[in-house]
Every structure is written in structure tokens, then in C-alpha cells.
Amino acid sequence: MRFVVWNEIYCGPIVQTERSSRELQDLQFSAAPKSGLDTHFPQTLITGNKYLYFYPGKNGNENFYIKRGSHFEILIYKPYIIVNDSINSIAENLQYQNQFSEYFNKNQEIQSRVFITK
């Protein structure tokens, strides 16, 4: 299912959504995403040979998806807590960078517009 509102394209697949909170006080000690299946209407951000979709999920999470065939694949990003020398620090699961790089065939122009730099 697909529809258009104010020149924005939305589709209604059943997709994985990241459900882990990104609030500092709620971060977990695991890099593994906590996801579940939901029916949503992600917005289409990029169309053509490759697609990029966005859905503002629960807990303030921004869910991005790529499409492989008829399957919507969530791009994985998750902050989490690690312990070094009895000190808690924040780390990030940045799997989305590899997924995105592979999907867009290492297109540097597109990658530079998406990757977060510190």
C-alpha cells in the first residue's frame, strides 16, 4: 500500500522498529537492538534504483529503512553503555554505516550525506 500527502510518499509495509530507548537514563549494556514488528507508514526519502525510508518511531527513535526486493531492512543504530575500569561510557552500534555502504555500492557522495561524523 502506498499513498501521497503534500508531495510526500508513504508506504505501509510490516517493518522492524527499534524499541530501545535512547534516553541516557534508559540505555542498556547491550549493543543488540530491541526490535519488533509493526505496521507503519514510513516516508520515502530517496527513490530510483535504490530507496531510503524514514519513520519516527516510539521513544524518539528515528527508524531508517532500505529496500531489498520486497523486504524492508531497518538500518541499525543503537547507543549503549560499556564499562571500562569501573567507569560507564556510552558506545554506539553503527551497523547502519556498513548496511548503507553496501546498499549504495560505496557511493561516497551519498554516504557523506548520511554518516554521522564526530
N, C-alpha and C. Protein backbone atom coordinates (compact mmCIF):
# COMPACT_ATOMS: atom_id res chain seq x y z
N MET A 1 0.85 -1.18 0.00
CA MET A 1 0.00 0.00 0.00
C MET A 1 0.89 1.23 0.00
N ARG A 2 0.50 2.22 -0.76
CA ARG A 2 1.28 3.43 -0.91
C ARG A 2 0.34 4.61 -1.10
N PHE A 3 0.68 5.79 -0.52
CA PHE A 3 -0.14 6.97 -0.73
C PHE A 3 0.74 8.22 -0.67
N VAL A 4 0.20 9.33 -1.18
CA VAL A 4 0.93 10.58 -1.25
C VAL A 4 0.16 11.66 -0.49
N VAL A 5 0.89 12.41 0.36
CA VAL A 5 0.31 13.54 1.09
C VAL A 5 1.28 14.70 0.96
N TRP A 6 0.82 15.81 0.42
CA TRP A 6 1.62 17.02 0.26
C TRP A 6 2.97 16.71 -0.39
N ASN A 7 2.95 15.98 -1.48
CA ASN A 7 4.13 15.59 -2.25
C ASN A 7 5.11 14.69 -1.50
N GLU A 8 4.67 14.10 -0.40
CA GLU A 8 5.48 13.13 0.33
C GLU A 8 4.86 11.76 0.13
N ILE A 9 5.70 10.76 -0.18
CA ILE A 9 5.22 9.41 -0.47
C ILE A 9 5.39 8.55 0.78
N TYR A 10 4.33 7.85 1.15
CA TYR A 10 4.35 6.94 2.29
C TYR A 10 3.93 5.55 1.83
N CYS A 11 4.46 4.53 2.48
CA CYS A 11 4.07 3.17 2.17
C CYS A 11 3.78 2.45 3.48
N GLY A 12 3.02 1.36 3.42
CA GLY A 12 2.58 0.70 4.64
C GLY A 12 3.00 -0.74 4.77
N PRO A 13 4.28 -1.00 4.82
CA PRO A 13 4.71 -2.38 5.00
C PRO A 13 4.73 -2.76 6.48
N ILE A 14 4.88 -4.02 6.72
CA ILE A 14 5.15 -4.50 8.07
C ILE A 14 6.66 -4.49 8.21
N VAL A 15 7.17 -3.70 9.16
CA VAL A 15 8.62 -3.49 9.28
C VAL A 15 9.08 -3.67 10.73
N GLN A 16 10.39 -3.92 10.88
CA GLN A 16 11.01 -3.94 12.20
C GLN A 16 11.16 -2.49 12.67
N THR A 17 10.90 -2.23 13.94
CA THR A 17 11.18 -0.92 14.51
C THR A 17 12.06 -1.10 15.73
N GLU A 18 12.97 -0.18 15.92
CA GLU A 18 13.85 -0.19 17.09
C GLU A 18 13.08 0.35 18.27
N ARG A 19 13.01 -0.42 19.35
CA ARG A 19 12.21 -0.05 20.51
C ARG A 19 13.05 0.32 21.72
N SER A 20 14.35 0.22 21.62
CA SER A 20 15.22 0.59 22.74
C SER A 20 15.16 2.11 22.93
N SER A 21 15.09 2.53 24.16
CA SER A 21 15.09 3.96 24.45
C SER A 21 16.49 4.53 24.19
N ARG A 22 16.54 5.75 23.74
CA ARG A 22 17.81 6.45 23.54
C ARG A 22 18.03 7.50 24.62
N GLU A 23 17.16 7.52 25.60
CA GLU A 23 17.33 8.43 26.73
C GLU A 23 18.49 7.93 27.58
N LEU A 24 19.35 8.83 28.01
CA LEU A 24 20.55 8.47 28.74
C LEU A 24 20.27 7.56 29.93
N GLN A 25 19.26 7.88 30.71
CA GLN A 25 18.96 7.09 31.91
C GLN A 25 18.41 5.70 31.59
N ASP A 26 17.99 5.46 30.34
CA ASP A 26 17.40 4.18 29.96
C ASP A 26 18.32 3.30 29.12
N LEU A 27 19.55 3.76 28.81
CA LEU A 27 20.44 2.98 27.96
C LEU A 27 20.77 1.63 28.60
N GLN A 28 20.96 0.63 27.74
CA GLN A 28 21.24 -0.73 28.19
C GLN A 28 22.73 -1.04 28.04
N PHE A 29 23.14 -2.19 28.56
CA PHE A 29 24.53 -2.64 28.45
C PHE A 29 24.71 -3.57 27.25
N SER A 30 23.79 -3.53 26.31
CA SER A 30 23.85 -4.41 25.14
C SER A 30 23.80 -3.58 23.86
N ALA A 31 24.64 -3.97 22.89
CA ALA A 31 24.64 -3.30 21.59
C ALA A 31 23.54 -3.83 20.68
N ALA A 32 22.93 -4.95 21.07
CA ALA A 32 21.89 -5.57 20.24
C ALA A 32 20.62 -4.73 20.26
N PRO A 33 20.06 -4.45 19.10
CA PRO A 33 18.82 -3.68 19.06
C PRO A 33 17.66 -4.47 19.66
N LYS A 34 16.72 -3.76 20.22
CA LYS A 34 15.50 -4.35 20.75
C LYS A 34 14.40 -3.96 19.76
N SER A 35 14.04 -4.87 18.89
CA SER A 35 13.11 -4.52 17.83
C SER A 35 11.88 -5.41 17.85
N GLY A 36 10.88 -4.96 17.14
CA GLY A 36 9.65 -5.72 16.99
C GLY A 36 8.98 -5.37 15.69
N LEU A 37 8.07 -6.23 15.25
CA LEU A 37 7.34 -5.99 14.00
C LEU A 37 6.14 -5.09 14.25
N ASP A 38 5.98 -4.12 13.36
CA ASP A 38 4.83 -3.20 13.42
C ASP A 38 4.42 -2.86 12.00
N THR A 39 3.19 -2.43 11.84
CA THR A 39 2.73 -1.91 10.56
C THR A 39 2.81 -0.40 10.65
N HIS A 40 3.60 0.21 9.79
CA HIS A 40 3.81 1.65 9.80
C HIS A 40 3.68 2.19 8.39
N PHE A 41 3.75 3.49 8.29
CA PHE A 41 3.75 4.16 7.01
C PHE A 41 5.00 5.02 6.90
N PRO A 42 6.16 4.38 6.63
CA PRO A 42 7.40 5.15 6.51
C PRO A 42 7.35 6.09 5.30
N GLN A 43 8.00 7.24 5.45
CA GLN A 43 8.09 8.21 4.37
C GLN A 43 9.23 7.83 3.45
N THR A 44 9.01 7.94 2.16
CA THR A 44 10.05 7.68 1.17
C THR A 44 10.92 8.92 1.04
N LEU A 45 12.22 8.77 1.35
CA LEU A 45 13.15 9.89 1.26
C LEU A 45 13.92 9.90 -0.06
N ILE A 46 14.32 8.72 -0.53
CA ILE A 46 15.07 8.59 -1.78
C ILE A 46 14.36 7.54 -2.64
N THR A 47 14.14 7.86 -3.92
CA THR A 47 13.54 6.91 -4.85
C THR A 47 14.47 6.73 -6.04
N GLY A 48 14.20 5.74 -6.84
CA GLY A 48 15.00 5.44 -8.02
C GLY A 48 15.38 3.98 -8.01
N ASN A 49 16.63 3.68 -8.37
CA ASN A 49 17.11 2.30 -8.31
C ASN A 49 17.22 1.81 -6.88
N LYS A 50 17.49 2.73 -5.96
CA LYS A 50 17.62 2.43 -4.54
C LYS A 50 16.63 3.31 -3.78
N TYR A 51 16.17 2.80 -2.65
CA TYR A 51 15.19 3.53 -1.85
C TYR A 51 15.68 3.70 -0.42
N LEU A 52 15.31 4.83 0.17
CA LEU A 52 15.56 5.07 1.59
C LEU A 52 14.26 5.58 2.19
N TYR A 53 13.88 4.99 3.34
CA TYR A 53 12.63 5.32 4.01
C TYR A 53 12.90 5.77 5.44
N PHE A 54 11.96 6.56 5.98
CA PHE A 54 12.09 7.09 7.33
C PHE A 54 10.77 6.94 8.08
N TYR A 55 10.88 6.54 9.35
CA TYR A 55 9.71 6.52 10.23
C TYR A 55 10.12 6.98 11.62
N PRO A 56 9.47 8.05 12.15
CA PRO A 56 9.79 8.49 13.51
C PRO A 56 9.09 7.58 14.51
N GLY A 57 9.84 6.63 15.03
CA GLY A 57 9.25 5.61 15.90
C GLY A 57 9.05 6.07 17.33
N LYS A 58 8.69 5.12 18.16
CA LYS A 58 8.46 5.37 19.58
C LYS A 58 9.79 5.67 20.27
N ASN A 59 9.71 6.19 21.46
CA ASN A 59 10.88 6.53 22.28
C ASN A 59 11.79 7.55 21.61
N GLY A 60 11.30 8.30 20.64
CA GLY A 60 12.12 9.29 19.96
C GLY A 60 13.09 8.70 18.95
N ASN A 61 13.00 7.40 18.72
CA ASN A 61 13.89 6.74 17.75
C ASN A 61 13.51 7.12 16.34
N GLU A 62 14.53 7.36 15.53
CA GLU A 62 14.33 7.60 14.11
C GLU A 62 14.70 6.30 13.40
N ASN A 63 13.73 5.68 12.76
CA ASN A 63 13.96 4.42 12.06
C ASN A 63 14.12 4.70 10.57
N PHE A 64 15.25 4.23 10.01
CA PHE A 64 15.50 4.35 8.59
C PHE A 64 15.54 2.95 7.99
N TYR A 65 15.07 2.83 6.74
CA TYR A 65 14.98 1.53 6.08
C TYR A 65 15.52 1.63 4.67
N ILE A 66 16.09 0.54 4.21
CA ILE A 66 16.41 0.36 2.79
C ILE A 66 15.52 -0.78 2.31
N LYS A 67 15.37 -0.89 1.01
CA LYS A 67 14.50 -1.93 0.46
C LYS A 67 15.32 -2.86 -0.41
N ARG A 68 15.29 -4.14 -0.06
CA ARG A 68 15.96 -5.18 -0.84
C ARG A 68 14.88 -6.10 -1.39
N GLY A 69 14.60 -5.95 -2.68
CA GLY A 69 13.49 -6.70 -3.26
C GLY A 69 12.20 -6.17 -2.67
N SER A 70 11.41 -7.03 -2.04
CA SER A 70 10.18 -6.59 -1.40
C SER A 70 10.34 -6.46 0.11
N HIS A 71 11.58 -6.69 0.61
CA HIS A 71 11.86 -6.68 2.04
C HIS A 71 12.39 -5.32 2.50
N PHE A 72 11.81 -4.78 3.56
CA PHE A 72 12.30 -3.55 4.16
C PHE A 72 13.27 -3.92 5.28
N GLU A 73 14.51 -3.41 5.19
CA GLU A 73 15.54 -3.73 6.18
C GLU A 73 15.84 -2.49 7.01
N ILE A 74 15.69 -2.61 8.32
CA ILE A 74 15.97 -1.48 9.19
C ILE A 74 17.48 -1.25 9.26
N LEU A 75 17.88 0.01 9.24
CA LEU A 75 19.28 0.37 9.40
C LEU A 75 19.55 0.48 10.90
N ILE A 76 20.52 -0.30 11.37
CA ILE A 76 20.74 -0.47 12.80
C ILE A 76 21.64 0.62 13.37
N TYR A 77 21.10 1.34 14.35
CA TYR A 77 21.86 2.29 15.16
C TYR A 77 21.35 2.16 16.59
N LYS A 78 22.26 2.01 17.54
CA LYS A 78 21.84 1.92 18.93
C LYS A 78 22.96 2.38 19.86
N PRO A 79 22.69 3.41 20.67
CA PRO A 79 23.64 3.76 21.73
C PRO A 79 23.47 2.79 22.89
N TYR A 80 24.55 2.50 23.58
CA TYR A 80 24.50 1.58 24.72
C TYR A 80 25.64 1.91 25.68
N ILE A 81 25.63 1.27 26.82
CA ILE A 81 26.63 1.54 27.86
C ILE A 81 27.70 0.45 27.86
N ILE A 82 28.95 0.89 28.00
CA ILE A 82 30.06 -0.05 28.20
C ILE A 82 30.77 0.34 29.50
N VAL A 83 31.45 -0.62 30.09
CA VAL A 83 32.18 -0.37 31.33
C VAL A 83 33.67 -0.60 31.08
N ASN A 84 34.47 0.43 31.34
CA ASN A 84 35.93 0.34 31.25
C ASN A 84 36.52 0.82 32.57
N ASP A 85 37.28 -0.05 33.22
CA ASP A 85 37.90 0.30 34.51
C ASP A 85 36.88 0.87 35.50
N SER A 86 35.74 0.20 35.59
CA SER A 86 34.65 0.58 36.51
C SER A 86 34.00 1.92 36.18
N ILE A 87 34.23 2.42 34.98
CA ILE A 87 33.62 3.69 34.55
C ILE A 87 32.67 3.40 33.40
N ASN A 88 31.43 3.86 33.53
CA ASN A 88 30.45 3.71 32.47
C ASN A 88 30.69 4.75 31.38
N SER A 89 30.64 4.29 30.13
CA SER A 89 30.76 5.17 28.97
C SER A 89 29.69 4.81 27.97
N ILE A 90 29.44 5.71 27.06
CA ILE A 90 28.46 5.45 26.00
C ILE A 90 29.19 5.03 24.73
N ALA A 91 28.72 3.94 24.14
CA ALA A 91 29.23 3.46 22.86
C ALA A 91 28.04 3.41 21.89
N GLU A 92 28.33 3.16 20.62
CA GLU A 92 27.26 3.12 19.62
C GLU A 92 27.42 1.92 18.71
N ASN A 93 26.32 1.24 18.45
CA ASN A 93 26.26 0.21 17.41
C ASN A 93 25.97 0.97 16.12
N LEU A 94 26.96 1.04 15.23
CA LEU A 94 26.85 1.81 13.99
C LEU A 94 26.74 0.89 12.78
N GLN A 95 26.03 -0.21 12.93
CA GLN A 95 25.87 -1.18 11.84
C GLN A 95 25.26 -0.53 10.60
N TYR A 96 24.46 0.51 10.79
CA TYR A 96 23.83 1.17 9.65
C TYR A 96 24.85 1.65 8.62
N GLN A 97 26.04 2.03 9.06
CA GLN A 97 27.05 2.52 8.12
C GLN A 97 27.45 1.43 7.13
N ASN A 98 27.67 0.22 7.61
CA ASN A 98 28.00 -0.89 6.71
C ASN A 98 26.83 -1.25 5.82
N GLN A 99 25.63 -1.29 6.39
CA GLN A 99 24.45 -1.61 5.60
C GLN A 99 24.28 -0.59 4.48
N PHE A 100 24.40 0.68 4.83
CA PHE A 100 24.20 1.74 3.85
C PHE A 100 25.27 1.73 2.78
N SER A 101 26.52 1.53 3.18
CA SER A 101 27.64 1.49 2.24
C SER A 101 27.45 0.36 1.23
N GLU A 102 27.09 -0.80 1.72
CA GLU A 102 26.86 -1.95 0.84
C GLU A 102 25.68 -1.69 -0.10
N TYR A 103 24.61 -1.16 0.43
CA TYR A 103 23.39 -0.93 -0.35
C TYR A 103 23.61 0.07 -1.47
N PHE A 104 24.33 1.16 -1.18
CA PHE A 104 24.57 2.19 -2.18
C PHE A 104 25.92 2.00 -2.88
N ASN A 105 26.44 0.79 -2.83
CA ASN A 105 27.66 0.42 -3.56
C ASN A 105 28.81 1.39 -3.34
N LYS A 106 29.00 1.78 -2.09
CA LYS A 106 30.12 2.64 -1.70
C LYS A 106 30.12 3.99 -2.42
N ASN A 107 28.93 4.52 -2.72
CA ASN A 107 28.80 5.83 -3.35
C ASN A 107 29.17 6.90 -2.32
N GLN A 108 30.34 7.52 -2.46
CA GLN A 108 30.87 8.46 -1.48
C GLN A 108 29.97 9.69 -1.30
N GLU A 109 29.38 10.18 -2.37
CA GLU A 109 28.54 11.37 -2.27
C GLU A 109 27.34 11.10 -1.36
N ILE A 110 26.67 9.99 -1.57
CA ILE A 110 25.51 9.65 -0.75
C ILE A 110 25.94 9.34 0.68
N GLN A 111 27.01 8.61 0.85
CA GLN A 111 27.48 8.26 2.19
C GLN A 111 27.81 9.51 3.01
N SER A 112 28.44 10.49 2.40
CA SER A 112 28.83 11.69 3.13
C SER A 112 27.62 12.47 3.61
N ARG A 113 26.48 12.29 2.99
CA ARG A 113 25.27 12.99 3.39
C ARG A 113 24.56 12.26 4.54
N VAL A 114 24.94 11.01 4.81
CA VAL A 114 24.23 10.21 5.81
C VAL A 114 25.05 9.92 7.04
N PHE A 115 26.32 9.62 6.89
CA PHE A 115 27.14 9.22 8.04
C PHE A 115 27.30 10.36 9.04
N ILE A 116 27.24 10.00 10.29
CA ILE A 116 27.43 10.98 11.36
C ILE A 116 28.93 11.09 11.61
N THR A 117 29.43 12.30 11.62
CA THR A 117 30.85 12.49 11.91
C THR A 117 30.98 13.14 13.27
N LYS A 118 32.05 12.78 13.95
CA LYS A 118 32.25 13.34 15.30
C LYS A 118 33.45 14.24 15.31
